[in-house]
Amino acid sequence: MTVNTMTLPDLIDVLVAARRAGGFRYNGQERVLAQFAEHSRQEGYAHGSIIQEAVQGFLYDRHLKSSTIRKEEIVLRELAEHARQFGWQAWAPLTLTHVKTLHRPPPYVFSDEEIRRLFHAIDAQKLSEISNRALVDPVLFRVFYGTGMRLSEALNLELRDFDRARATLAVRDGKNHENRLVPLTSRLTSTLESYVATAHPDPDPGHKLFYTGNRAKSADKSTIYNRFRRYLADADIPHFPGGPHIHSLRHGFAVANLRRWAAGGGDLMVMLPYLSAYMGHADMRGTQYYLQLTADAYPEVAAMAQARFGYVIPDVDIVEGSKR
């Protein structure tokens, strides 16, 4: 295949392959690009160019939400820049669609001292005949903080998802309906092994790793959240509308790793795609969110990422309905 015979689907295949080779998941973007290719085919646009009429018809004639239009503008802008590298004439849309944002306080990130007090409170729970929280919670909350998992992901884990030999947890059908393997430290692996031996004396691969009653059923989210509120009070950590929440442990995982890599002189541009994949982000914008949380301590990190990735990682607002 030569440049002169390259079709729009061919061009998209090259772009998708290049982004995935660079560590991006790129699944959502691939869907948008496939839809644009089909739109262009149905409307009869010739290969070899991406014209303004085709792009604007795809973006603005389908009555989409402004947040969706903004995301698709970014994807098609990237496609246009990619197409120009192959000699195509390509019109790139401006990313000017206004997205409604919520004025929320910044996400809560625990201090090191608060984390110490929180886990001391969790570990201090006494064994009870009417509740298994003293058995489950010290391990469950270490999984939150040690892996950055979302609440639903951790509660959906089954015994079969814990691989002792490979030191991994398998997240199945997580956010964005994607699966991923989450590597564990040796210490957390050992903790999970001891927990499973005690909490699952008659193990069944389909049993839930974390449960509150019936081992075949996930622990209830509201039950876990109520326990978390109690631990905050025991640790003398105030709770208020902006946090802390269980999701704050996920924030803490990401920020702690970014700080550690930066302090160790690591190449964050190399590590960011790994963090993105590890946390199950659909694209790098989710990781940009955590870069902004560390901007006060490491402003050069955010500046370097923005300079390197440009429009691929746009400035991030807290968009209505979003949660990383």
C-alpha atoms as a PDB file:
ATOM      1  CA  MET A   1       0.000   0.000   0.000  1.00  0.00           C
ATOM      2  CA  THR A   2       1.356   3.409  -1.002  1.00  0.00           C
ATOM      3  CA  VAL A   3       0.388   6.855   0.200  1.00  0.00           C
ATOM      4  CA  ASN A   4      -1.545   7.404  -3.013  1.00  0.00           C
ATOM      5  CA  THR A   5      -3.687   4.282  -2.462  1.00  0.00           C
ATOM      6  CA  MET A   6      -4.258   4.798   1.276  1.00  0.00           C
ATOM      7  CA  THR A   7      -7.922   5.026   2.233  1.00  0.00           C
ATOM      8  CA  LEU A   8      -9.388   6.755   5.269  1.00  0.00           C
ATOM      9  CA  PRO A   9      -9.804   3.427   7.153  1.00  0.00           C
ATOM     10  CA  ASP A  10      -6.146   2.634   6.315  1.00  0.00           C
ATOM     11  CA  LEU A  11      -5.083   6.000   7.684  1.00  0.00           C
ATOM     12  CA  ILE A  12      -7.080   5.435  10.869  1.00  0.00           C
ATOM     13  CA  ASP A  13      -5.568   1.973  11.341  1.00  0.00           C
ATOM     14  CA  VAL A  14      -2.067   3.475  11.208  1.00  0.00           C
ATOM     15  CA  LEU A  15      -2.980   6.187  13.714  1.00  0.00           C
ATOM     16  CA  VAL A  16      -4.581   3.724  16.156  1.00  0.00           C
ATOM     17  CA  ALA A  17      -1.605   1.358  15.923  1.00  0.00           C
ATOM     18  CA  ALA A  18       0.817   4.214  16.540  1.00  0.00           C
ATOM     19  CA  ARG A  19      -1.061   5.465  19.608  1.00  0.00           C
ATOM     20  CA  ARG A  20      -1.301   1.993  21.116  1.00  0.00           C
ATOM     21  CA  ALA A  21       2.376   1.388  20.468  1.00  0.00           C
ATOM     22  CA  GLY A  22       2.960   4.552  22.485  1.00  0.00           C
ATOM     23  CA  GLY A  23       1.081   3.138  25.476  1.00  0.00           C
ATOM     24  CA  PHE A  24      -2.374   4.641  24.923  1.00  0.00           C
ATOM     25  CA  ARG A  25      -5.503   2.490  25.184  1.00  0.00           C
ATOM     26  CA  TYR A  26      -7.220   4.546  22.467  1.00  0.00           C
ATOM     27  CA  ASN A  27     -10.439   2.502  22.430  1.00  0.00           C
ATOM     28  CA  GLY A  28     -12.835   5.439  22.696  1.00  0.00           C
ATOM     29  CA  GLN A  29     -10.930   7.382  20.078  1.00  0.00           C
ATOM     30  CA  GLU A  30     -10.925   4.369  17.752  1.00  0.00           C
ATOM     31  CA  ARG A  31     -14.722   4.187  17.984  1.00  0.00           C
ATOM     32  CA  VAL A  32     -15.046   7.869  17.081  1.00  0.00           C
ATOM     33  CA  LEU A  33     -12.680   7.474  14.138  1.00  0.00           C
ATOM     34  CA  ALA A  34     -14.567   4.418  12.853  1.00  0.00           C
ATOM     35  CA  GLN A  35     -17.826   6.374  13.049  1.00  0.00           C
ATOM     36  CA  PHE A  36     -16.245   9.250  11.137  1.00  0.00           C
ATOM     37  CA  ALA A  37     -14.967   6.860   8.456  1.00  0.00           C
ATOM     38  CA  GLU A  38     -18.457   5.390   8.074  1.00  0.00           C
ATOM     39  CA  HIS A  39     -19.979   8.893   7.928  1.00  0.00           C
ATOM     40  CA  SER A  40     -17.529   9.840   5.181  1.00  0.00           C
ATOM     41  CA  ARG A  41     -18.293   6.657   3.232  1.00  0.00           C
ATOM     42  CA  GLN A  42     -22.048   7.170   3.430  1.00  0.00           C
ATOM     43  CA  GLU A  43     -21.763  10.812   2.376  1.00  0.00           C
ATOM     44  CA  GLY A  44     -19.531   9.898  -0.554  1.00  0.00           C
ATOM     45  CA  TYR A  45     -16.403  11.846   0.390  1.00  0.00           C
ATOM     46  CA  ALA A  46     -13.366  10.794  -1.622  1.00  0.00           C
ATOM     47  CA  HIS A  47     -10.218   9.373  -0.043  1.00  0.00           C
ATOM     48  CA  GLY A  48      -7.086  11.494   0.017  1.00  0.00           C
ATOM     49  CA  SER A  49      -8.483  14.478   1.867  1.00  0.00           C
ATOM     50  CA  ILE A  50     -10.532  15.351   4.950  1.00  0.00           C
ATOM     51  CA  ILE A  51     -12.650  18.366   4.109  1.00  0.00           C
ATOM     52  CA  GLN A  52     -14.338  20.860   6.383  1.00  0.00           C
ATOM     53  CA  GLU A  53     -17.840  19.871   5.302  1.00  0.00           C
ATOM     54  CA  ALA A  54     -17.272  16.231   6.279  1.00  0.00           C
ATOM     55  CA  VAL A  55     -15.864  17.093   9.695  1.00  0.00           C
ATOM     56  CA  GLN A  56     -18.488  19.680  10.576  1.00  0.00           C
ATOM     57  CA  GLY A  57     -21.343  17.455   9.438  1.00  0.00           C
ATOM     58  CA  PHE A  58     -20.065  14.648  11.635  1.00  0.00           C
ATOM     59  CA  LEU A  59     -19.471  16.846  14.682  1.00  0.00           C
ATOM     60  CA  TYR A  60     -22.373  19.257  14.695  1.00  0.00           C
ATOM     61  CA  ASP A  61     -25.313  17.663  12.853  1.00  0.00           C
ATOM     62  CA  ARG A  62     -25.979  14.830  15.319  1.00  0.00           C
ATOM     63  CA  HIS A  63     -27.202  16.939  18.270  1.00  0.00           C
ATOM     64  CA  LEU A  64     -24.672  15.519  20.724  1.00  0.00           C
ATOM     65  CA  LYS A  65     -23.892  16.783  24.206  1.00  0.00           C
ATOM     66  CA  SER A  66     -21.308  19.553  24.272  1.00  0.00           C
ATOM     67  CA  SER A  67     -18.903  17.393  26.277  1.00  0.00           C
ATOM     68  CA  THR A  68     -19.127  14.657  23.612  1.00  0.00           C
ATOM     69  CA  ILE A  69     -18.580  17.157  20.791  1.00  0.00           C
ATOM     70  CA  ARG A  70     -15.526  18.550  22.574  1.00  0.00           C
ATOM     71  CA  LYS A  71     -13.998  15.061  22.899  1.00  0.00           C
ATOM     72  CA  GLU A  72     -14.670  14.281  19.244  1.00  0.00           C
ATOM     73  CA  GLU A  73     -13.202  17.624  18.136  1.00  0.00           C
ATOM     74  CA  ILE A  74      -9.967  16.605  19.855  1.00  0.00           C
ATOM     75  CA  VAL A  75      -9.964  13.188  18.160  1.00  0.00           C
ATOM     76  CA  LEU A  76     -10.610  14.594  14.662  1.00  0.00           C
ATOM     77  CA  ARG A  77      -8.031  17.311  15.181  1.00  0.00           C
ATOM     78  CA  GLU A  78      -5.508  14.590  15.892  1.00  0.00           C
ATOM     79  CA  LEU A  79      -6.639  12.669  12.804  1.00  0.00           C
ATOM     80  CA  ALA A  80      -6.158  15.770  10.640  1.00  0.00           C
ATOM     81  CA  GLU A  81      -2.620  16.334  11.894  1.00  0.00           C
ATOM     82  CA  HIS A  82      -1.878  12.642  11.318  1.00  0.00           C
ATOM     83  CA  ALA A  83      -3.322  12.784   7.791  1.00  0.00           C
ATOM     84  CA  ARG A  84      -1.116  15.728   6.834  1.00  0.00           C
ATOM     85  CA  GLN A  85       1.936  13.612   7.558  1.00  0.00           C
ATOM     86  CA  PHE A  86       0.804  11.367   4.697  1.00  0.00           C
ATOM     87  CA  GLY A  87       0.304  14.232   2.281  1.00  0.00           C
ATOM     88  CA  TRP A  88      -3.458  14.560   2.682  1.00  0.00           C
ATOM     89  CA  GLN A  89      -5.220  17.899   2.697  1.00  0.00           C
ATOM     90  CA  ALA A  90      -7.016  17.818   6.045  1.00  0.00           C
ATOM     91  CA  TRP A  91      -9.177  20.364   7.836  1.00  0.00           C
ATOM     92  CA  ALA A  92      -8.723  20.355  11.615  1.00  0.00           C
ATOM     93  CA  PRO A  93     -11.620  21.545  13.803  1.00  0.00           C
ATOM     94  CA  LEU A  94     -11.024  24.067  16.547  1.00  0.00           C
ATOM     95  CA  THR A  95     -11.632  22.700  20.042  1.00  0.00           C
ATOM     96  CA  LEU A  96     -13.873  25.591  21.046  1.00  0.00           C
ATOM     97  CA  THR A  97     -17.104  23.856  22.082  1.00  0.00           C
ATOM     98  CA  HIS A  98     -17.984  25.083  25.552  1.00  0.00           C
ATOM     99  CA  VAL A  99     -18.302  22.314  28.129  1.00  0.00           C
ATOM    100  CA  LYS A 100     -20.392  22.896  31.225  1.00  0.00           C
ATOM    101  CA  THR A 101     -18.236  22.557  34.325  1.00  0.00           C
ATOM    102  CA  LEU A 102     -19.064  22.256  37.968  1.00  0.00           C
ATOM    103  CA  HIS A 103     -17.454  24.515  40.526  1.00  0.00           C
ATOM    104  CA  ARG A 104     -16.284  21.873  42.942  1.00  0.00           C
ATOM    105  CA  PRO A 105     -13.528  21.958  45.529  1.00  0.00           C
ATOM    106  CA  PRO A 106     -10.302  20.236  44.455  1.00  0.00           C
ATOM    107  CA  PRO A 107     -10.180  16.473  45.076  1.00  0.00           C
ATOM    108  CA  TYR A 108      -9.093  15.481  48.560  1.00  0.00           C
ATOM    109  CA  VAL A 109      -5.703  13.810  48.930  1.00  0.00           C
ATOM    110  CA  PHE A 110      -4.718  12.371  52.294  1.00  0.00           C
ATOM    111  CA  SER A 111      -1.490  13.517  53.899  1.00  0.00           C
ATOM    112  CA  ASP A 112       1.016  10.855  54.952  1.00  0.00           C
ATOM    113  CA  GLU A 113       0.082  11.450  58.590  1.00  0.00           C
ATOM    114  CA  GLU A 114      -3.634  11.081  57.851  1.00  0.00           C
ATOM    115  CA  ILE A 115      -3.004   7.802  56.037  1.00  0.00           C
ATOM    116  CA  ARG A 116      -1.070   6.534  59.069  1.00  0.00           C
ATOM    117  CA  ARG A 117      -3.910   7.469  61.434  1.00  0.00           C
ATOM    118  CA  LEU A 118      -6.591   6.088  59.103  1.00  0.00           C
ATOM    119  CA  PHE A 119      -5.023   2.639  58.838  1.00  0.00           C
ATOM    120  CA  HIS A 120      -4.324   2.594  62.558  1.00  0.00           C
ATOM    121  CA  ALA A 121      -8.076   3.121  63.098  1.00  0.00           C
ATOM    122  CA  ILE A 122      -8.975   0.424  60.559  1.00  0.00           C
ATOM    123  CA  ASP A 123      -6.549  -2.087  62.075  1.00  0.00           C
ATOM    124  CA  ALA A 124      -7.792  -1.367  65.608  1.00  0.00           C
ATOM    125  CA  GLN A 125     -11.286  -2.773  64.987  1.00  0.00           C
ATOM    126  CA  LYS A 126     -12.090  -5.630  67.350  1.00  0.00           C
ATOM    127  CA  LEU A 127     -13.236  -9.015  66.132  1.00  0.00           C
ATOM    128  CA  SER A 128     -16.982  -9.471  66.346  1.00  0.00           C
ATOM    129  CA  GLU A 129     -19.415 -12.338  65.927  1.00  0.00           C
ATOM    130  CA  ILE A 130     -21.923 -10.106  64.115  1.00  0.00           C
ATOM    131  CA  SER A 131     -19.577  -8.338  61.659  1.00  0.00           C
ATOM    132  CA  ASN A 132     -16.531  -9.345  59.632  1.00  0.00           C
ATOM    133  CA  ARG A 133     -15.195  -5.814  59.249  1.00  0.00           C
ATOM    134  CA  ALA A 134     -12.138  -6.506  61.416  1.00  0.00           C
ATOM    135  CA  LEU A 135     -11.221  -9.286  58.981  1.00  0.00           C
ATOM    136  CA  VAL A 136     -12.156  -7.689  55.662  1.00  0.00           C
ATOM    137  CA  ASP A 137     -11.506  -3.968  56.003  1.00  0.00           C
ATOM    138  CA  PRO A 138      -7.759  -3.904  56.801  1.00  0.00           C
ATOM    139  CA  VAL A 139      -7.177  -5.778  53.525  1.00  0.00           C
ATOM    140  CA  LEU A 140      -9.878  -4.110  51.424  1.00  0.00           C
ATOM    141  CA  PHE A 141      -8.706  -0.588  52.230  1.00  0.00           C
ATOM    142  CA  ARG A 142      -5.088  -1.558  51.581  1.00  0.00           C
ATOM    143  CA  VAL A 143      -6.195  -2.750  48.148  1.00  0.00           C
ATOM    144  CA  PHE A 144      -7.801   0.660  47.549  1.00  0.00           C
ATOM    145  CA  TYR A 145      -4.676   2.548  48.582  1.00  0.00           C
ATOM    146  CA  GLY A 146      -2.118   0.074  47.226  1.00  0.00           C
ATOM    147  CA  THR A 147      -3.639  -0.387  43.763  1.00  0.00           C
ATOM    148  CA  GLY A 148      -5.780   2.707  43.114  1.00  0.00           C
ATOM    149  CA  MET A 149      -8.821   0.547  42.340  1.00  0.00           C
ATOM    150  CA  ARG A 150     -12.264   2.033  42.201  1.00  0.00           C
ATOM    151  CA  LEU A 151     -14.775   0.929  44.847  1.00  0.00           C
ATOM    152  CA  SER A 152     -16.906  -1.075  42.414  1.00  0.00           C
ATOM    153  CA  GLU A 153     -13.835  -2.771  40.911  1.00  0.00           C
ATOM    154  CA  ALA A 154     -12.564  -3.972  44.279  1.00  0.00           C
ATOM    155  CA  LEU A 155     -15.978  -5.165  45.466  1.00  0.00           C
ATOM    156  CA  ASN A 156     -16.531  -7.110  42.233  1.00  0.00           C
ATOM    157  CA  LEU A 157     -13.315  -9.109  42.648  1.00  0.00           C
ATOM    158  CA  GLU A 158     -13.728 -12.874  42.907  1.00  0.00           C
ATOM    159  CA  LEU A 159     -11.296 -15.395  44.365  1.00  0.00           C
ATOM    160  CA  ARG A 160     -10.371 -16.469  40.826  1.00  0.00           C
ATOM    161  CA  ASP A 161      -9.164 -12.919  40.155  1.00  0.00           C
ATOM    162  CA  PHE A 162      -6.336 -13.147  42.683  1.00  0.00           C
ATOM    163  CA  ASP A 163      -3.308 -14.853  41.122  1.00  0.00           C
ATOM    164  CA  ARG A 164      -0.769 -15.545  43.860  1.00  0.00           C
ATOM    165  CA  ALA A 165       1.917 -16.828  41.506  1.00  0.00           C
ATOM    166  CA  ARG A 166       1.805 -13.792  39.231  1.00  0.00           C
ATOM    167  CA  ALA A 167       1.002 -11.348  42.074  1.00  0.00           C
ATOM    168  CA  THR A 168      -1.915  -9.768  40.200  1.00  0.00           C
ATOM    169  CA  LEU A 169      -5.580  -8.937  40.590  1.00  0.00           C
ATOM    170  CA  ALA A 170      -7.765  -9.199  37.479  1.00  0.00           C
ATOM    171  CA  VAL A 171     -10.315  -6.414  37.084  1.00  0.00           C
ATOM    172  CA  ARG A 172     -13.173  -7.642  34.913  1.00  0.00           C
ATOM    173  CA  ASP A 173     -15.622  -5.311  33.187  1.00  0.00           C
ATOM    174  CA  GLY A 174     -14.355  -2.210  34.958  1.00  0.00           C
ATOM    175  CA  LYS A 175     -15.175   1.342  33.964  1.00  0.00           C
ATOM    176  CA  ASN A 176     -15.413   1.710  30.169  1.00  0.00           C
ATOM    177  CA  HIS A 177     -16.234  -2.056  30.144  1.00  0.00           C
ATOM    178  CA  GLU A 178     -12.570  -2.975  29.997  1.00  0.00           C
ATOM    179  CA  ASN A 179     -10.506  -5.670  31.695  1.00  0.00           C
ATOM    180  CA  ARG A 180      -7.028  -5.193  33.103  1.00  0.00           C
ATOM    181  CA  LEU A 181      -4.439  -6.916  35.266  1.00  0.00           C
ATOM    182  CA  VAL A 182      -3.261  -4.981  38.321  1.00  0.00           C
ATOM    183  CA  PRO A 183       0.229  -5.941  39.599  1.00  0.00           C
ATOM    184  CA  LEU A 184       0.667  -6.139  43.365  1.00  0.00           C
ATOM    185  CA  THR A 185       3.608  -5.509  45.642  1.00  0.00           C
ATOM    186  CA  SER A 186       5.030  -8.551  47.407  1.00  0.00           C
ATOM    187  CA  ARG A 187       3.771  -7.175  50.717  1.00  0.00           C
ATOM    188  CA  LEU A 188       0.190  -6.746  49.494  1.00  0.00           C
ATOM    189  CA  THR A 189       0.307 -10.180  47.845  1.00  0.00           C
ATOM    190  CA  SER A 190       1.331 -11.732  51.155  1.00  0.00           C
ATOM    191  CA  THR A 191      -1.430  -9.823  52.956  1.00  0.00           C
ATOM    192  CA  LEU A 192      -4.020 -11.115  50.479  1.00  0.00           C
ATOM    193  CA  GLU A 193      -2.746 -14.694  50.795  1.00  0.00           C
ATOM    194  CA  SER A 194      -3.169 -14.600  54.580  1.00  0.00           C
ATOM    195  CA  TYR A 195      -6.579 -12.980  54.253  1.00  0.00           C
ATOM    196  CA  VAL A 196      -7.867 -15.562  51.764  1.00  0.00           C
ATOM    197  CA  ALA A 197      -6.707 -18.436  53.979  1.00  0.00           C
ATOM    198  CA  THR A 198      -8.701 -16.999  56.889  1.00  0.00           C
ATOM    199  CA  ALA A 199     -11.740 -15.461  55.161  1.00  0.00           C
ATOM    200  CA  HIS A 200     -12.274 -18.325  52.678  1.00  0.00           C
ATOM    201  CA  PRO A 201     -11.630 -21.626  54.505  1.00  0.00           C
ATOM    202  CA  ASP A 202     -13.655 -23.477  51.848  1.00  0.00           C
ATOM    203  CA  PRO A 203     -12.670 -21.486  48.756  1.00  0.00           C
ATOM    204  CA  ASP A 204     -14.804 -21.366  45.658  1.00  0.00           C
ATOM    205  CA  PRO A 205     -13.342 -19.528  42.629  1.00  0.00           C
ATOM    206  CA  GLY A 206     -16.648 -17.694  42.104  1.00  0.00           C
ATOM    207  CA  HIS A 207     -16.893 -16.385  45.656  1.00  0.00           C
ATOM    208  CA  LYS A 208     -16.406 -12.675  46.147  1.00  0.00           C
ATOM    209  CA  LEU A 209     -12.987 -11.771  47.510  1.00  0.00           C
ATOM    210  CA  PHE A 210     -14.535  -9.178  49.823  1.00  0.00           C
ATOM    211  CA  TYR A 211     -17.930  -9.843  51.363  1.00  0.00           C
ATOM    212  CA  THR A 212     -20.018  -8.831  54.369  1.00  0.00           C
ATOM    213  CA  GLY A 213     -22.268 -11.888  54.711  1.00  0.00           C
ATOM    214  CA  ASN A 214     -22.859 -14.257  51.844  1.00  0.00           C
ATOM    215  CA  ARG A 215     -19.544 -15.070  50.167  1.00  0.00           C
ATOM    216  CA  ALA A 216     -21.322 -15.332  46.808  1.00  0.00           C
ATOM    217  CA  LYS A 217     -22.426 -11.685  47.003  1.00  0.00           C
ATOM    218  CA  SER A 218     -20.339  -8.519  46.840  1.00  0.00           C
ATOM    219  CA  ALA A 219     -20.052  -6.356  49.913  1.00  0.00           C
ATOM    220  CA  ASP A 220     -22.595  -3.546  49.802  1.00  0.00           C
ATOM    221  CA  LYS A 221     -21.179  -0.189  48.767  1.00  0.00           C
ATOM    222  CA  SER A 222     -23.154   1.758  51.355  1.00  0.00           C
ATOM    223  CA  THR A 223     -21.978  -0.592  54.111  1.00  0.00           C
ATOM    224  CA  ILE A 224     -18.337  -0.066  53.162  1.00  0.00           C
ATOM    225  CA  TYR A 225     -18.819   3.683  52.914  1.00  0.00           C
ATOM    226  CA  ASN A 226     -20.466   3.843  56.345  1.00  0.00           C
ATOM    227  CA  ARG A 227     -17.548   1.920  57.809  1.00  0.00           C
ATOM    228  CA  PHE A 228     -15.163   4.344  56.129  1.00  0.00           C
ATOM    229  CA  ARG A 229     -16.940   7.292  57.741  1.00  0.00           C
ATOM    230  CA  ARG A 230     -16.527   5.622  61.126  1.00  0.00           C
ATOM    231  CA  TYR A 231     -12.803   5.100  60.542  1.00  0.00           C
ATOM    232  CA  LEU A 232     -12.401   8.775  59.606  1.00  0.00           C
ATOM    233  CA  ALA A 233     -14.008   9.776  62.890  1.00  0.00           C
ATOM    234  CA  ASP A 234     -11.822   7.343  64.836  1.00  0.00           C
ATOM    235  CA  ALA A 235      -8.748   8.789  63.103  1.00  0.00           C
ATOM    236  CA  ASP A 236      -9.854  12.363  63.849  1.00  0.00           C
ATOM    237  CA  ILE A 237     -10.042  13.218  60.143  1.00  0.00           C
ATOM    238  CA  PRO A 238     -12.940  15.626  59.434  1.00  0.00           C
ATOM    239  CA  HIS A 239     -15.447  14.684  56.750  1.00  0.00           C
ATOM    240  CA  PHE A 240     -17.083  17.412  54.665  1.00  0.00           C
ATOM    241  CA  PRO A 241     -18.912  17.614  51.310  1.00  0.00           C
ATOM    242  CA  GLY A 242     -15.651  17.750  49.311  1.00  0.00           C
ATOM    243  CA  GLY A 243     -14.097  14.760  51.050  1.00  0.00           C
ATOM    244  CA  PRO A 244     -12.474  12.633  52.138  1.00  0.00           C
ATOM    245  CA  HIS A 245     -14.200   9.826  50.266  1.00  0.00           C
ATOM    246  CA  ILE A 246     -13.138   6.266  49.511  1.00  0.00           C
ATOM    247  CA  HIS A 247     -12.190   7.577  46.054  1.00  0.00           C
ATOM    248  CA  SER A 248      -9.656   9.811  47.830  1.00  0.00           C
ATOM    249  CA  LEU A 249      -7.547   6.684  48.389  1.00  0.00           C
ATOM    250  CA  ARG A 250      -7.402   6.257  44.591  1.00  0.00           C
ATOM    251  CA  HIS A 251      -6.291   9.887  44.279  1.00  0.00           C
ATOM    252  CA  GLY A 252      -3.653   9.243  46.907  1.00  0.00           C
ATOM    253  CA  PHE A 253      -2.293   6.220  45.062  1.00  0.00           C
ATOM    254  CA  ALA A 254      -1.790   8.212  41.859  1.00  0.00           C
ATOM    255  CA  VAL A 255      -0.286  11.267  43.533  1.00  0.00           C
ATOM    256  CA  ALA A 256       2.042   9.179  45.712  1.00  0.00           C
ATOM    257  CA  ASN A 257       3.441   7.431  42.645  1.00  0.00           C
ATOM    258  CA  LEU A 258       3.888  10.670  40.694  1.00  0.00           C
ATOM    259  CA  ARG A 259       5.702  12.234  43.636  1.00  0.00           C
ATOM    260  CA  ARG A 260       7.897   9.181  44.119  1.00  0.00           C
ATOM    261  CA  TRP A 261       8.864   9.043  40.448  1.00  0.00           C
ATOM    262  CA  ALA A 262       9.569  12.766  40.318  1.00  0.00           C
ATOM    263  CA  ALA A 263      11.637  12.681  43.499  1.00  0.00           C
ATOM    264  CA  GLY A 264      13.613   9.743  42.116  1.00  0.00           C
ATOM    265  CA  GLY A 265      14.364  11.530  38.855  1.00  0.00           C
ATOM    266  CA  GLY A 266      12.261   9.130  36.794  1.00  0.00           C
ATOM    267  CA  ASP A 267      11.091   9.986  33.296  1.00  0.00           C
ATOM    268  CA  LEU A 268       7.427  10.771  33.903  1.00  0.00           C
ATOM    269  CA  MET A 269       6.779  10.967  30.174  1.00  0.00           C
ATOM    270  CA  VAL A 270       7.648   7.272  29.997  1.00  0.00           C
ATOM    271  CA  MET A 271       5.780   6.342  33.181  1.00  0.00           C
ATOM    272  CA  LEU A 272       2.519   8.223  32.589  1.00  0.00           C
ATOM    273  CA  PRO A 273       1.076   5.759  30.033  1.00  0.00           C
ATOM    274  CA  TYR A 274       1.796   2.914  32.456  1.00  0.00           C
ATOM    275  CA  LEU A 275      -0.013   4.737  35.256  1.00  0.00           C
ATOM    276  CA  SER A 276      -2.909   5.410  32.890  1.00  0.00           C
ATOM    277  CA  ALA A 277      -3.207   1.728  31.959  1.00  0.00           C
ATOM    278  CA  TYR A 278      -2.727   0.604  35.565  1.00  0.00           C
ATOM    279  CA  MET A 279      -5.599   2.773  36.796  1.00  0.00           C
ATOM    280  CA  GLY A 280      -7.923   1.858  33.931  1.00  0.00           C
ATOM    281  CA  HIS A 281      -8.165   5.294  32.341  1.00  0.00           C
ATOM    282  CA  ALA A 282      -9.782   5.377  28.922  1.00  0.00           C
ATOM    283  CA  ASP A 283      -7.103   7.818  27.752  1.00  0.00           C
ATOM    284  CA  MET A 284      -4.339  10.031  29.076  1.00  0.00           C
ATOM    285  CA  ARG A 285      -6.703  12.808  30.135  1.00  0.00           C
ATOM    286  CA  GLY A 286      -7.517  10.863  33.280  1.00  0.00           C
ATOM    287  CA  THR A 287      -3.849  10.840  34.204  1.00  0.00           C
ATOM    288  CA  GLN A 288      -3.565  14.546  33.427  1.00  0.00           C
ATOM    289  CA  TYR A 289      -6.145  14.995  36.190  1.00  0.00           C
ATOM    290  CA  TYR A 290      -3.668  13.592  38.706  1.00  0.00           C
ATOM    291  CA  LEU A 291      -0.818  15.631  37.298  1.00  0.00           C
ATOM    292  CA  GLN A 292      -2.807  18.706  38.216  1.00  0.00           C
ATOM    293  CA  LEU A 293      -3.104  17.495  41.814  1.00  0.00           C
ATOM    294  CA  THR A 294       0.699  17.469  42.082  1.00  0.00           C
ATOM    295  CA  ALA A 295       1.223  20.775  40.233  1.00  0.00           C
ATOM    296  CA  ASP A 296       1.762  22.781  43.421  1.00  0.00           C
ATOM    297  CA  ALA A 297       4.667  20.591  44.510  1.00  0.00           C
ATOM    298  CA  TYR A 298       6.001  19.851  41.015  1.00  0.00           C
ATOM    299  CA  PRO A 299       4.822  22.554  38.597  1.00  0.00           C
ATOM    300  CA  GLU A 300       7.439  21.523  36.045  1.00  0.00           C
ATOM    301  CA  VAL A 301       5.804  18.074  35.761  1.00  0.00           C
ATOM    302  CA  ALA A 302       2.516  19.449  34.474  1.00  0.00           C
ATOM    303  CA  ALA A 303       4.353  21.866  32.174  1.00  0.00           C
ATOM    304  CA  MET A 304       6.450  19.042  30.714  1.00  0.00           C
ATOM    305  CA  ALA A 305       3.411  16.851  30.090  1.00  0.00           C
ATOM    306  CA  GLN A 306       1.478  19.639  28.391  1.00  0.00           C
ATOM    307  CA  ALA A 307       4.465  20.510  26.202  1.00  0.00           C
ATOM    308  CA  ARG A 308       5.048  16.884  25.226  1.00  0.00           C
ATOM    309  CA  PHE A 309       1.478  15.772  24.511  1.00  0.00           C
ATOM    310  CA  GLY A 310      -0.137  19.039  23.407  1.00  0.00           C
ATOM    311  CA  TYR A 311      -3.699  18.656  22.201  1.00  0.00           C
ATOM    312  CA  VAL A 312      -3.721  14.941  23.060  1.00  0.00           C
ATOM    313  CA  ILE A 313      -3.921  15.951  26.734  1.00  0.00           C
ATOM    314  CA  PRO A 314      -5.910  19.190  26.807  1.00  0.00           C
ATOM    315  CA  ASP A 315      -6.394  21.292  29.907  1.00  0.00           C
ATOM    316  CA  VAL A 316      -8.723  19.339  32.201  1.00  0.00           C
ATOM    317  CA  ASP A 317     -11.851  20.763  33.778  1.00  0.00           C
ATOM    318  CA  ILE A 318     -14.016  18.893  36.269  1.00  0.00           C
ATOM    319  CA  VAL A 319     -16.698  18.037  33.754  1.00  0.00           C
ATOM    320  CA  GLU A 320     -20.234  17.440  34.923  1.00  0.00           C
ATOM    321  CA  GLY A 321     -20.768  13.786  35.681  1.00  0.00           C
ATOM    322  CA  SER A 322     -17.087  12.805  35.438  1.00  0.00           C
ATOM    323  CA  LYS A 323     -15.193  10.751  38.005  1.00  0.00           C
ATOM    324  CA  ARG A 324     -11.691   9.446  37.442  1.00  0.00           C
END
